[in-house]
C-alpha atoms as a PDB file:
ATOM      1  CA  MET A   1     -19.449 -11.001  12.069  1.00  0.00           C
ATOM      2  CA  GLN A   2     -18.041 -11.424   8.711  1.00  0.00           C
ATOM      3  CA  SER A   3     -20.527 -12.060   5.874  1.00  0.00           C
ATOM      4  CA  PRO A   4     -20.262 -15.253   4.315  1.00  0.00           C
ATOM      5  CA  LEU A   5     -21.918 -13.735   1.044  1.00  0.00           C
ATOM      6  CA  PRO A   6     -18.841 -11.654  -0.726  1.00  0.00           C
ATOM      7  CA  VAL A   7     -19.616  -8.162  -2.079  1.00  0.00           C
ATOM      8  CA  ARG A   8     -22.077  -8.478  -5.372  1.00  0.00           C
ATOM      9  CA  ASP A   9     -22.008  -5.277  -7.727  1.00  0.00           C
ATOM     10  CA  GLY A  10     -20.281  -2.949  -4.893  1.00  0.00           C
ATOM     11  CA  VAL A  11     -22.918  -3.805  -2.298  1.00  0.00           C
ATOM     12  CA  ASN A  12     -22.537  -5.750   0.885  1.00  0.00           C
ATOM     13  CA  ALA A  13     -24.963  -8.552   1.147  1.00  0.00           C
ATOM     14  CA  THR A  14     -27.777  -7.453   3.889  1.00  0.00           C
ATOM     15  CA  ARG A  15     -27.911  -9.430   7.394  1.00  0.00           C
ATOM     16  CA  LEU A  16     -31.068  -9.943   9.308  1.00  0.00           C
ATOM     17  CA  ARG A  17     -31.007 -10.937  12.752  1.00  0.00           C
ATOM     18  CA  LEU A  18     -33.651 -13.702  13.658  1.00  0.00           C
ATOM     19  CA  PRO A  19     -35.897 -13.308  16.718  1.00  0.00           C
ATOM     20  CA  ASP A  20     -35.425 -15.843  19.454  1.00  0.00           C
ATOM     21  CA  GLU A  21     -39.035 -16.465  19.844  1.00  0.00           C
ATOM     22  CA  GLY A  22     -42.547 -15.762  18.259  1.00  0.00           C
ATOM     23  CA  PRO A  23     -45.845 -17.178  16.534  1.00  0.00           C
ATOM     24  CA  TRP A  24     -43.434 -18.203  13.443  1.00  0.00           C
ATOM     25  CA  ASP A  25     -41.847 -21.642  12.627  1.00  0.00           C
ATOM     26  CA  THR A  26     -39.695 -21.000   9.997  1.00  0.00           C
ATOM     27  CA  ALA A  27     -37.109 -18.593   9.200  1.00  0.00           C
ATOM     28  CA  MET A  28     -39.432 -17.768   5.873  1.00  0.00           C
ATOM     29  CA  ASP A  29     -42.262 -17.315   8.255  1.00  0.00           C
ATOM     30  CA  TYR A  30     -40.489 -14.503   9.713  1.00  0.00           C
ATOM     31  CA  MET A  31     -39.374 -12.958   6.401  1.00  0.00           C
ATOM     32  CA  MET A  32     -42.873 -13.353   5.193  1.00  0.00           C
ATOM     33  CA  HIS A  33     -44.000 -11.408   8.291  1.00  0.00           C
ATOM     34  CA  ARG A  34     -41.702  -8.538   7.911  1.00  0.00           C
ATOM     35  CA  TRP A  35     -41.902  -8.171   3.796  1.00  0.00           C
ATOM     36  CA  GLY A  36     -44.540 -10.712   2.226  1.00  0.00           C
ATOM     37  CA  HIS A  37     -47.000  -7.991   1.641  1.00  0.00           C
ATOM     38  CA  ILE A  38     -44.459  -6.433  -0.658  1.00  0.00           C
ATOM     39  CA  ASP A  39     -42.918  -9.265  -2.736  1.00  0.00           C
ATOM     40  CA  PRO A  40     -44.411 -12.803  -1.299  1.00  0.00           C
ATOM     41  CA  GLN A  41     -42.971 -14.953  -4.430  1.00  0.00           C
ATOM     42  CA  GLY A  42     -39.728 -12.795  -4.398  1.00  0.00           C
ATOM     43  CA  ILE A  43     -39.264 -14.671  -1.100  1.00  0.00           C
ATOM     44  CA  GLU A  44     -40.349 -17.816  -2.055  1.00  0.00           C
ATOM     45  CA  ASP A  45     -38.049 -17.717  -5.325  1.00  0.00           C
ATOM     46  CA  ARG A  46     -34.849 -16.744  -2.870  1.00  0.00           C
ATOM     47  CA  PHE A  47     -35.599 -20.222  -0.332  1.00  0.00           C
ATOM     48  CA  ASP A  48     -35.940 -21.869  -3.435  1.00  0.00           C
ATOM     49  CA  ALA A  49     -32.944 -20.792  -4.692  1.00  0.00           C
ATOM     50  CA  GLY A  50     -30.611 -20.929  -2.246  1.00  0.00           C
ATOM     51  CA  GLU A  51     -30.041 -17.271  -1.931  1.00  0.00           C
ATOM     52  CA  ILE A  52     -30.729 -16.847   1.977  1.00  0.00           C
ATOM     53  CA  VAL A  53     -28.079 -18.140   3.728  1.00  0.00           C
ATOM     54  CA  GLY A  54     -27.171 -18.452   7.241  1.00  0.00           C
ATOM     55  CA  GLU A  55     -23.657 -18.821   9.273  1.00  0.00           C
ATOM     56  CA  GLY A  56     -20.943 -20.469   7.576  1.00  0.00           C
ATOM     57  CA  GLY A  57     -22.900 -19.880   3.986  1.00  0.00           C
ATOM     58  CA  VAL A  58     -25.446 -22.827   4.497  1.00  0.00           C
ATOM     59  CA  PRO A  59     -28.658 -22.107   2.083  1.00  0.00           C
ATOM     60  CA  LEU A  60     -32.076 -21.842   4.092  1.00  0.00           C
ATOM     61  CA  THR A  61     -35.041 -23.846   2.604  1.00  0.00           C
ATOM     62  CA  ARG A  62     -38.254 -22.820   3.129  1.00  0.00           C
ATOM     63  CA  HIS A  63     -38.272 -25.606   6.058  1.00  0.00           C
ATOM     64  CA  THR A  64     -35.560 -24.222   8.076  1.00  0.00           C
ATOM     65  CA  ARG A  65     -36.714 -23.347  11.749  1.00  0.00           C
ATOM     66  CA  LEU A  66     -36.561 -20.214  13.152  1.00  0.00           C
ATOM     67  CA  GLU A  67     -34.232 -21.483  15.982  1.00  0.00           C
ATOM     68  CA  ASP A  68     -31.715 -23.329  13.760  1.00  0.00           C
ATOM     69  CA  HIS A  69     -30.032 -19.715  12.962  1.00  0.00           C
ATOM     70  CA  THR A  70     -29.407 -16.347  14.595  1.00  0.00           C
ATOM     71  CA  PHE A  71     -28.641 -14.372  11.621  1.00  0.00           C
ATOM     72  CA  ILE A  72     -29.345 -14.694   7.789  1.00  0.00           C
ATOM     73  CA  TRP A  73     -27.744 -12.911   5.060  1.00  0.00           C
ATOM     74  CA  TYR A  74     -29.181 -12.130   1.432  1.00  0.00           C
ATOM     75  CA  TYR A  75     -28.863  -9.653  -1.203  1.00  0.00           C
ATOM     76  CA  ARG A  76     -31.176  -6.923  -1.443  1.00  0.00           C
ATOM     77  CA  THR A  77     -32.987  -6.488  -5.018  1.00  0.00           C
ATOM     78  CA  LEU A  78     -31.745  -2.947  -5.964  1.00  0.00           C
ATOM     79  CA  PRO A  79     -33.958  -0.415  -7.170  1.00  0.00           C
ATOM     80  CA  PRO A  80     -32.767   1.707 -10.373  1.00  0.00           C
ATOM     81  CA  GLU A  81     -31.325   4.682  -9.653  1.00  0.00           C
ATOM     82  CA  THR A  82     -30.561   7.822 -11.868  1.00  0.00           C
ATOM     83  CA  ARG A  83     -26.670   8.541 -12.148  1.00  0.00           C
ATOM     84  CA  LEU A  84     -25.716  11.653  -9.851  1.00  0.00           C
ATOM     85  CA  PRO A  85     -23.864  13.993 -12.720  1.00  0.00           C
ATOM     86  CA  VAL A  86     -20.626  14.566 -10.346  1.00  0.00           C
ATOM     87  CA  GLU A  87     -17.564  12.437 -10.621  1.00  0.00           C
ATOM     88  CA  ILE A  88     -14.710  11.145  -8.107  1.00  0.00           C
ATOM     89  CA  SER A  89     -11.119  12.191  -8.320  1.00  0.00           C
ATOM     90  CA  ILE A  90      -8.506  10.025  -7.035  1.00  0.00           C
ATOM     91  CA  LEU A  91      -5.750  11.770  -4.888  1.00  0.00           C
ATOM     92  CA  HIS A  92      -3.489   8.881  -3.845  1.00  0.00           C
ATOM     93  CA  ARG A  93      -3.289   4.937  -4.132  1.00  0.00           C
ATOM     94  CA  ASP A  94      -1.004   2.505  -2.651  1.00  0.00           C
ATOM     95  CA  ASP A  95      -1.287  -1.058  -1.130  1.00  0.00           C
ATOM     96  CA  HIS A  96      -3.050   0.398   2.080  1.00  0.00           C
ATOM     97  CA  LEU A  97      -4.846   3.353   1.201  1.00  0.00           C
ATOM     98  CA  LEU A  98      -7.328   4.836  -1.490  1.00  0.00           C
ATOM     99  CA  VAL A  99      -7.902   8.835  -1.156  1.00  0.00           C
ATOM    100  CA  VAL A 100     -10.286  10.561  -3.051  1.00  0.00           C
ATOM    101  CA  ASP A 101     -12.174  14.132  -3.525  1.00  0.00           C
ATOM    102  CA  LYS A 102     -15.599  13.331  -2.866  1.00  0.00           C
ATOM    103  CA  PRO A 103     -17.888  15.608  -4.717  1.00  0.00           C
ATOM    104  CA  HIS A 104     -20.961  17.531  -3.223  1.00  0.00           C
ATOM    105  CA  PHE A 105     -24.509  15.651  -3.269  1.00  0.00           C
ATOM    106  CA  LEU A 106     -22.592  11.799  -3.660  1.00  0.00           C
ATOM    107  CA  PRO A 107     -22.974  10.085   0.153  1.00  0.00           C
ATOM    108  CA  THR A 108     -20.007   8.144   1.386  1.00  0.00           C
ATOM    109  CA  THR A 109     -21.856   5.045   1.933  1.00  0.00           C
ATOM    110  CA  PRO A 110     -24.953   3.388   0.785  1.00  0.00           C
ATOM    111  CA  GLY A 111     -28.358   4.545   2.519  1.00  0.00           C
ATOM    112  CA  GLY A 112     -31.950   5.321   1.787  1.00  0.00           C
ATOM    113  CA  THR A 113     -32.166   6.050  -2.022  1.00  0.00           C
ATOM    114  CA  TYR A 114     -28.747   6.046  -2.933  1.00  0.00           C
ATOM    115  CA  ILE A 115     -26.895   2.601  -3.010  1.00  0.00           C
ATOM    116  CA  GLN A 116     -25.144   2.368  -6.542  1.00  0.00           C
ATOM    117  CA  GLU A 117     -25.008   6.046  -6.396  1.00  0.00           C
ATOM    118  CA  SER A 118     -22.140   5.948  -3.313  1.00  0.00           C
ATOM    119  CA  ALA A 119     -18.646   6.916  -3.329  1.00  0.00           C
ATOM    120  CA  LEU A 120     -18.279   3.474  -1.791  1.00  0.00           C
ATOM    121  CA  VAL A 121     -19.804   1.228  -4.033  1.00  0.00           C
ATOM    122  CA  ARG A 122     -18.906   3.464  -7.178  1.00  0.00           C
ATOM    123  CA  LEU A 123     -15.280   2.917  -6.038  1.00  0.00           C
ATOM    124  CA  ARG A 124     -15.676  -0.788  -5.585  1.00  0.00           C
ATOM    125  CA  ASN A 125     -16.968  -1.120  -9.113  1.00  0.00           C
ATOM    126  CA  GLN A 126     -15.096   1.170 -10.614  1.00  0.00           C
ATOM    127  CA  LEU A 127     -11.548  -0.246  -9.399  1.00  0.00           C
ATOM    128  CA  ASP A 128     -12.543  -3.590  -8.772  1.00  0.00           C
ATOM    129  CA  LEU A 129     -12.015  -3.476  -5.042  1.00  0.00           C
ATOM    130  CA  PRO A 130     -14.262  -5.255  -3.599  1.00  0.00           C
ATOM    131  CA  ASP A 131     -12.753  -5.418   0.444  1.00  0.00           C
ATOM    132  CA  LEU A 132     -12.697  -1.293   0.229  1.00  0.00           C
ATOM    133  CA  ILE A 133     -13.844   0.269   3.374  1.00  0.00           C
ATOM    134  CA  PRO A 134     -14.145   3.925   4.454  1.00  0.00           C
ATOM    135  CA  MET A 135     -11.673   5.071   7.389  1.00  0.00           C
ATOM    136  CA  HIS A 136     -14.270   8.005   8.034  1.00  0.00           C
ATOM    137  CA  ARG A 137     -17.250   9.831   6.516  1.00  0.00           C
ATOM    138  CA  LEU A 138     -18.519  12.732   4.969  1.00  0.00           C
ATOM    139  CA  ASP A 139     -22.216  14.105   4.636  1.00  0.00           C
ATOM    140  CA  ARG A 140     -23.412  13.797   1.434  1.00  0.00           C
ATOM    141  CA  MET A 141     -23.659  17.587   1.019  1.00  0.00           C
ATOM    142  CA  THR A 142     -19.778  17.987   1.991  1.00  0.00           C
ATOM    143  CA  ALA A 143     -17.038  17.498  -0.676  1.00  0.00           C
ATOM    144  CA  GLY A 144     -13.305  16.952  -0.141  1.00  0.00           C
ATOM    145  CA  VAL A 145     -10.723  14.386   1.141  1.00  0.00           C
ATOM    146  CA  LEU A 146     -12.032  11.037   2.057  1.00  0.00           C
ATOM    147  CA  LEU A 147     -10.027   8.033   2.751  1.00  0.00           C
ATOM    148  CA  PHE A 148     -10.563   4.192   2.097  1.00  0.00           C
ATOM    149  CA  SER A 149      -8.834   1.147   3.171  1.00  0.00           C
ATOM    150  CA  THR A 150      -8.343  -1.043   0.702  1.00  0.00           C
ATOM    151  CA  ASN A 151      -6.160  -3.584   2.442  1.00  0.00           C
ATOM    152  CA  PRO A 152      -7.972  -5.621   5.548  1.00  0.00           C
ATOM    153  CA  GLN A 153      -4.533  -6.929   6.821  1.00  0.00           C
ATOM    154  CA  THR A 154      -3.402  -3.412   7.482  1.00  0.00           C
ATOM    155  CA  ARG A 155      -7.245  -1.723   8.058  1.00  0.00           C
ATOM    156  CA  GLY A 156      -7.149  -1.965  11.992  1.00  0.00           C
ATOM    157  CA  LYS A 157      -3.890   0.213  11.956  1.00  0.00           C
ATOM    158  CA  TYR A 158      -5.628   3.057  10.503  1.00  0.00           C
ATOM    159  CA  GLN A 159      -9.046   2.599  12.410  1.00  0.00           C
ATOM    160  CA  VAL A 160      -7.097   3.191  15.691  1.00  0.00           C
ATOM    161  CA  LEU A 161      -5.904   6.326  14.272  1.00  0.00           C
ATOM    162  CA  PHE A 162      -9.352   7.895  14.304  1.00  0.00           C
ATOM    163  CA  GLU A 163     -10.338   6.393  17.225  1.00  0.00           C
ATOM    164  CA  LYS A 164      -7.507   7.772  19.231  1.00  0.00           C
ATOM    165  CA  ARG A 165      -7.795  11.111  17.305  1.00  0.00           C
ATOM    166  CA  GLN A 166      -4.827  11.087  15.930  1.00  0.00           C
ATOM    167  CA  VAL A 167      -6.038  12.259  12.347  1.00  0.00           C
ATOM    168  CA  GLN A 168      -5.928  16.327  12.063  1.00  0.00           C
ATOM    169  CA  LYS A 169      -8.578  17.582   9.505  1.00  0.00           C
ATOM    170  CA  ASP A 170      -9.229  20.730   8.344  1.00  0.00           C
ATOM    171  CA  TYR A 171     -12.164  22.167   6.435  1.00  0.00           C
ATOM    172  CA  GLU A 172     -13.024  25.286   4.267  1.00  0.00           C
ATOM    173  CA  CYS A 173     -16.601  26.743   4.152  1.00  0.00           C
ATOM    174  CA  VAL A 174     -17.799  29.934   2.489  1.00  0.00           C
ATOM    175  CA  SER A 175     -20.331  32.248   4.826  1.00  0.00           C
ATOM    176  CA  ALA A 176     -21.343  35.616   5.512  1.00  0.00           C
ATOM    177  CA  ALA A 177     -18.595  38.220   6.423  1.00  0.00           C
ATOM    178  CA  GLU A 178     -20.801  39.429   9.185  1.00  0.00           C
ATOM    179  CA  PRO A 179     -22.685  37.624  11.748  1.00  0.00           C
ATOM    180  CA  ALA A 180     -26.650  37.792  11.118  1.00  0.00           C
ATOM    181  CA  PRO A 181     -28.633  40.740  13.070  1.00  0.00           C
ATOM    182  CA  GLY A 182     -29.227  39.299  16.648  1.00  0.00           C
ATOM    183  CA  HIS A 183     -25.603  37.444  17.063  1.00  0.00           C
ATOM    184  CA  ALA A 184     -22.697  39.025  18.633  1.00  0.00           C
ATOM    185  CA  ALA A 185     -19.460  40.241  16.545  1.00  0.00           C
ATOM    186  CA  VAL A 186     -16.677  37.598  15.994  1.00  0.00           C
ATOM    187  CA  GLU A 187     -12.942  38.210  16.797  1.00  0.00           C
ATOM    188  CA  PHE A 188     -11.047  35.876  14.667  1.00  0.00           C
ATOM    189  CA  PRO A 189      -9.526  33.477  14.945  1.00  0.00           C
ATOM    190  CA  VAL A 190     -12.341  31.909  17.355  1.00  0.00           C
ATOM    191  CA  VAL A 191     -12.991  28.680  19.082  1.00  0.00           C
ATOM    192  CA  VAL A 192     -16.535  27.292  19.416  1.00  0.00           C
ATOM    193  CA  ARG A 193     -17.351  25.076  22.190  1.00  0.00           C
ATOM    194  CA  ASN A 194     -20.737  23.567  23.042  1.00  0.00           C
ATOM    195  CA  ARG A 195     -22.655  20.533  23.517  1.00  0.00           C
ATOM    196  CA  MET A 196     -24.644  19.024  20.470  1.00  0.00           C
ATOM    197  CA  THR A 197     -26.907  16.511  20.586  1.00  0.00           C
ATOM    198  CA  LYS A 198     -29.491  15.089  17.660  1.00  0.00           C
ATOM    199  CA  SER A 199     -32.795  16.865  17.971  1.00  0.00           C
ATOM    200  CA  ARG A 200     -36.026  14.971  18.949  1.00  0.00           C
ATOM    201  CA  SER A 201     -38.075  16.447  16.507  1.00  0.00           C
ATOM    202  CA  TYR A 202     -36.106  16.050  13.571  1.00  0.00           C
ATOM    203  CA  LEU A 203     -32.835  14.403  12.366  1.00  0.00           C
ATOM    204  CA  LEU A 204     -30.754  17.540  13.105  1.00  0.00           C
ATOM    205  CA  ALA A 205     -28.105  18.256  15.698  1.00  0.00           C
ATOM    206  CA  GLU A 206     -29.218  21.138  17.815  1.00  0.00           C
ATOM    207  CA  VAL A 207     -27.060  23.374  20.993  1.00  0.00           C
ATOM    208  CA  VAL A 208     -28.235  22.483  24.443  1.00  0.00           C
ATOM    209  CA  GLU A 209     -27.012  23.288  27.715  1.00  0.00           C
ATOM    210  CA  GLY A 210     -24.537  21.331  29.471  1.00  0.00           C
ATOM    211  CA  GLU A 211     -20.733  20.396  29.193  1.00  0.00           C
ATOM    212  CA  PRO A 212     -19.285  20.665  26.096  1.00  0.00           C
ATOM    213  CA  ASN A 213     -18.801  17.938  23.969  1.00  0.00           C
ATOM    214  CA  THR A 214     -17.914  19.652  20.527  1.00  0.00           C
ATOM    215  CA  GLU A 215     -14.736  21.958  19.621  1.00  0.00           C
ATOM    216  CA  THR A 216     -13.669  23.737  16.407  1.00  0.00           C
ATOM    217  CA  ARG A 217     -11.292  26.716  15.865  1.00  0.00           C
ATOM    218  CA  VAL A 218     -12.460  29.010  13.074  1.00  0.00           C
ATOM    219  CA  GLU A 219     -10.181  31.488  11.386  1.00  0.00           C
ATOM    220  CA  ARG A 220     -11.256  33.609   8.397  1.00  0.00           C
ATOM    221  CA  LEU A 221      -9.024  33.576   5.531  1.00  0.00           C
ATOM    222  CA  GLU A 222     -10.456  36.273   3.131  1.00  0.00           C
ATOM    223  CA  THR A 223     -13.385  38.435   2.610  1.00  0.00           C
ATOM    224  CA  PHE A 224     -15.059  39.215  -0.616  1.00  0.00           C
ATOM    225  CA  ASP A 225     -18.196  40.417  -2.595  1.00  0.00           C
ATOM    226  CA  ALA A 226     -20.996  38.218  -2.392  1.00  0.00           C
ATOM    227  CA  GLY A 227     -22.483  39.780  -5.917  1.00  0.00           C
ATOM    228  CA  THR A 228     -25.491  40.529  -5.127  1.00  0.00           C
ATOM    229  CA  ALA A 229     -26.829  44.340  -5.203  1.00  0.00           C
ATOM    230  CA  PRO A 230     -26.613  46.496  -2.456  1.00  0.00           C
ATOM    231  CA  GLY A 231     -28.686  46.628   0.634  1.00  0.00           C
ATOM    232  CA  ALA A 232     -30.837  49.476   2.135  1.00  0.00           C
ATOM    233  CA  ASN A 233     -27.984  50.664   3.887  1.00  0.00           C
ATOM    234  CA  GLY A 234     -26.366  51.022   0.253  1.00  0.00           C
ATOM    235  CA  THR A 235     -23.608  48.329   1.306  1.00  0.00           C
ATOM    236  CA  ARG A 236     -22.878  45.707  -0.962  1.00  0.00           C
ATOM    237  CA  PRO A 237     -23.317  42.272   1.049  1.00  0.00           C
ATOM    238  CA  ARG A 238     -19.936  40.540   1.691  1.00  0.00           C
ATOM    239  CA  LEU A 239     -18.997  36.742   2.059  1.00  0.00           C
ATOM    240  CA  ALA A 240     -15.944  35.451   3.437  1.00  0.00           C
ATOM    241  CA  ARG A 241     -13.988  32.212   3.338  1.00  0.00           C
ATOM    242  CA  TYR A 242     -13.289  30.670   6.703  1.00  0.00           C
ATOM    243  CA  ARG A 243     -10.498  27.799   7.535  1.00  0.00           C
ATOM    244  CA  LEU A 244     -12.533  25.162  10.072  1.00  0.00           C
ATOM    245  CA  GLU A 245     -10.229  22.791  12.471  1.00  0.00           C
ATOM    246  CA  PRO A 246     -12.711  20.424  14.126  1.00  0.00           C
ATOM    247  CA  HIS A 247     -11.325  18.846  17.356  1.00  0.00           C
ATOM    248  CA  THR A 248     -14.249  16.778  18.048  1.00  0.00           C
ATOM    249  CA  GLY A 249     -16.317  14.961  15.118  1.00  0.00           C
ATOM    250  CA  LYS A 250     -19.936  15.096  15.976  1.00  0.00           C
ATOM    251  CA  THR A 251     -22.385  14.701  13.170  1.00  0.00           C
ATOM    252  CA  HIS A 252     -22.907  17.883  11.231  1.00  0.00           C
ATOM    253  CA  GLN A 253     -20.561  19.746  13.928  1.00  0.00           C
ATOM    254  CA  LEU A 254     -19.206  22.332  11.759  1.00  0.00           C
ATOM    255  CA  ARG A 255     -22.709  23.438  10.025  1.00  0.00           C
ATOM    256  CA  VAL A 256     -23.902  23.518  13.628  1.00  0.00           C
ATOM    257  CA  HIS A 257     -20.831  25.801  14.853  1.00  0.00           C
ATOM    258  CA  MET A 258     -20.939  28.221  11.915  1.00  0.00           C
ATOM    259  CA  ALA A 259     -24.722  28.804  12.351  1.00  0.00           C
ATOM    260  CA  SER A 260     -24.198  29.533  16.143  1.00  0.00           C
ATOM    261  CA  LEU A 261     -22.072  32.207  15.341  1.00  0.00           C
ATOM    262  CA  GLY A 262     -24.614  33.960  13.006  1.00  0.00           C
ATOM    263  CA  LEU A 263     -22.374  32.726  10.001  1.00  0.00           C
ATOM    264  CA  GLY A 264     -24.483  29.719   8.638  1.00  0.00           C
ATOM    265  CA  ILE A 265     -22.829  27.962   5.571  1.00  0.00           C
ATOM    266  CA  VAL A 266     -23.887  29.548   1.780  1.00  0.00           C
ATOM    267  CA  ASN A 267     -26.524  26.795   0.901  1.00  0.00           C
ATOM    268  CA  ASP A 268     -27.113  24.813   3.643  1.00  0.00           C
ATOM    269  CA  ALA A 269     -30.765  23.676   3.743  1.00  0.00           C
ATOM    270  CA  PHE A 270     -30.713  22.799   7.477  1.00  0.00           C
ATOM    271  CA  TYR A 271     -28.899  25.425   9.920  1.00  0.00           C
ATOM    272  CA  PRO A 272     -29.790  28.087  10.790  1.00  0.00           C
ATOM    273  CA  ASP A 273     -33.250  27.076   9.359  1.00  0.00           C
ATOM    274  CA  LEU A 274     -34.450  23.884   8.204  1.00  0.00           C
ATOM    275  CA  LEU A 275     -35.720  24.323   4.307  1.00  0.00           C
ATOM    276  CA  ASP A 276     -38.401  22.575   2.873  1.00  0.00           C
ATOM    277  CA  LYS A 277     -37.030  19.231   1.116  1.00  0.00           C
ATOM    278  CA  ALA A 278     -36.219  20.448  -2.605  1.00  0.00           C
ATOM    279  CA  PRO A 279     -34.798  18.275  -5.482  1.00  0.00           C
ATOM    280  CA  ASP A 280     -31.168  18.838  -5.410  1.00  0.00           C
ATOM    281  CA  ASN A 281     -29.696  21.736  -7.229  1.00  0.00           C
ATOM    282  CA  PHE A 282     -26.406  20.877  -8.523  1.00  0.00           C
ATOM    283  CA  GLY A 283     -25.597  24.747  -9.610  1.00  0.00           C
ATOM    284  CA  LYS A 284     -25.916  25.652  -5.641  1.00  0.00           C
ATOM    285  CA  PRO A 285     -23.611  23.149  -3.598  1.00  0.00           C
ATOM    286  CA  LEU A 286     -23.473  23.388   0.250  1.00  0.00           C
ATOM    287  CA  GLN A 287     -20.204  25.618   0.653  1.00  0.00           C
ATOM    288  CA  LEU A 288     -18.219  22.878   2.929  1.00  0.00           C
ATOM    289  CA  LEU A 289     -14.864  21.410   1.778  1.00  0.00           C
ATOM    290  CA  ALA A 290     -12.612  18.863   3.613  1.00  0.00           C
ATOM    291  CA  ARG A 291      -9.495  20.579   2.586  1.00  0.00           C
ATOM    292  CA  GLY A 292      -7.129  18.182   3.917  1.00  0.00           C
ATOM    293  CA  ILE A 293      -6.141  15.578   6.520  1.00  0.00           C
ATOM    294  CA  ARG A 294      -2.907  14.494   8.250  1.00  0.00           C
ATOM    295  CA  PHE A 295      -1.618  11.917  10.171  1.00  0.00           C
ATOM    296  CA  VAL A 296       1.572   9.808  10.977  1.00  0.00           C
ATOM    297  CA  ASP A 297       0.884   6.675   8.374  1.00  0.00           C
ATOM    298  CA  PRO A 298       0.929   3.715  11.055  1.00  0.00           C
ATOM    299  CA  VAL A 299       2.507   1.527   8.161  1.00  0.00           C
ATOM    300  CA  SER A 300       5.316   3.417   6.800  1.00  0.00           C
ATOM    301  CA  GLY A 301       5.889   5.438   9.856  1.00  0.00           C
ATOM    302  CA  ARG A 302       6.021   8.891   7.988  1.00  0.00           C
ATOM    303  CA  PRO A 303       3.932  11.693   8.472  1.00  0.00           C
ATOM    304  CA  VAL A 304       1.574  12.373   5.313  1.00  0.00           C
ATOM    305  CA  GLU A 305      -0.888  14.887   4.387  1.00  0.00           C
ATOM    306  CA  TYR A 306      -3.471  14.421   1.680  1.00  0.00           C
ATOM    307  CA  CYS A 307      -5.389  17.796   0.239  1.00  0.00           C
ATOM    308  CA  SER A 308      -8.236  18.485  -1.799  1.00  0.00           C
ATOM    309  CA  GLY A 309      -8.023  19.595  -5.437  1.00  0.00           C
ATOM    310  CA  MET A 310     -11.401  21.303  -5.063  1.00  0.00           C
ATOM    311  CA  GLU A 311     -12.390  24.956  -4.903  1.00  0.00           C
ATOM    312  CA  LEU A 312     -15.359  26.211  -3.027  1.00  0.00           C
ATOM    313  CA  SER A 313     -17.509  27.780  -6.254  1.00  0.00           C
ATOM    314  CA  GLU A 314     -18.808  30.510  -4.204  1.00  0.00           C
ATOM    315  CA  ALA A 315     -14.931  31.472  -3.976  1.00  0.00           C
ATOM    316  CA  VAL A 316     -14.214  30.661  -7.173  1.00  0.00           C
ATOM    317  CA  ARG A 317     -16.541  32.834  -8.751  1.00  0.00           C
ATOM    318  CA  ALA A 318     -15.613  35.638  -5.849  1.00  0.00           C
ATOM    319  CA  ARG A 319     -12.086  35.800  -7.373  1.00  0.00           C
ATOM    320  CA  SER A 320     -13.472  35.996 -11.298  1.00  0.00           C
ATOM    321  CA  ARG A 321     -15.741  38.903 -10.306  1.00  0.00           C
ATOM    322  CA  ALA A 322     -12.451  40.663  -8.841  1.00  0.00           C
ATOM    323  CA  ALA A 323     -10.376  40.156 -11.864  1.00  0.00           C
ATOM    324  CA  ALA A 324     -12.926  40.981 -14.227  1.00  0.00           C
ATOM    325  CA  GLU A 325     -13.834  44.662 -12.084  1.00  0.00           C
ATOM    326  CA  ALA A 326     -10.049  45.170 -11.433  1.00  0.00           C
ATOM    327  CA  PRO A 327      -8.686  48.219 -13.498  1.00  0.00           C
ATOM    328  CA  ALA A 328      -6.907  47.277 -16.823  1.00  0.00           C
ATOM    329  CA  ARG A 329      -3.122  47.530 -16.512  1.00  0.00           C
ATOM    330  CA  THR A 330      -1.167  50.128 -18.855  1.00  0.00           C
ATOM    331  CA  PRO A 331       1.856  48.428 -20.728  1.00  0.00           C
END
């Protein structure tokens, strides 16, 4: 259902469904029941100012009866946010699509404590594109290629591509070069298939018994020293850069699949072990990058590919170490 209120400050109006029945005579009574303990005067002021509307944009009053509307819309009061020290790079823009490199730590869409500090709201405000809508999502901690629709008239054509899985994506990550103790050796490339579900104890994904509903192809691209001191056996720990091709799109799929191989992604605070919540460490981003995306453009009919211009920091450090340690060439 389309909101009768326009986007304001890059943020959509909030939609609230009113109950069909209950001990409330008016819509305001119900809102007082929900949020009156927080800001009762603010709720009254919004009704008096006509800032809460129903279907068709009709302003509600203090006396609008509960049964008069099924949905109402209003603008939330946005809390102050500290700007995240990351920036979005634009890779492509035309009359239908906006393609960007989303940085680590920035969520795709508003949620929780991140409203203005989301890729969607930043871009709407920066580019004056109130109709901007993401075609897919990346986790807050994942960086890389992200597509947005800029044109409501052609949006459905791109949505169909994702619904029918006609979009190919590939990712890169940095993990240990060898599986952790207790895990079998891996011969690459390998295809990981298993059944994933949301954990009941926490908002995480976990592997369970049953028919596989996820699939990822994993290829090792290069290995390099981890840059740490040798272990007890005298060998220096090794890391590797991997190419990941998901054939399904479950939440946290790539992170879970790498952890299931004993190759948890560097700086992953969720998998294989859930770490205590801590402030963002911008010097240690999750080493997972949405490298590229490919599809046949439904408007032009031509194959297109968009590639990230970013590099995973651990791979960059490894190349720098290797270059510094390489013997100088004699002229």
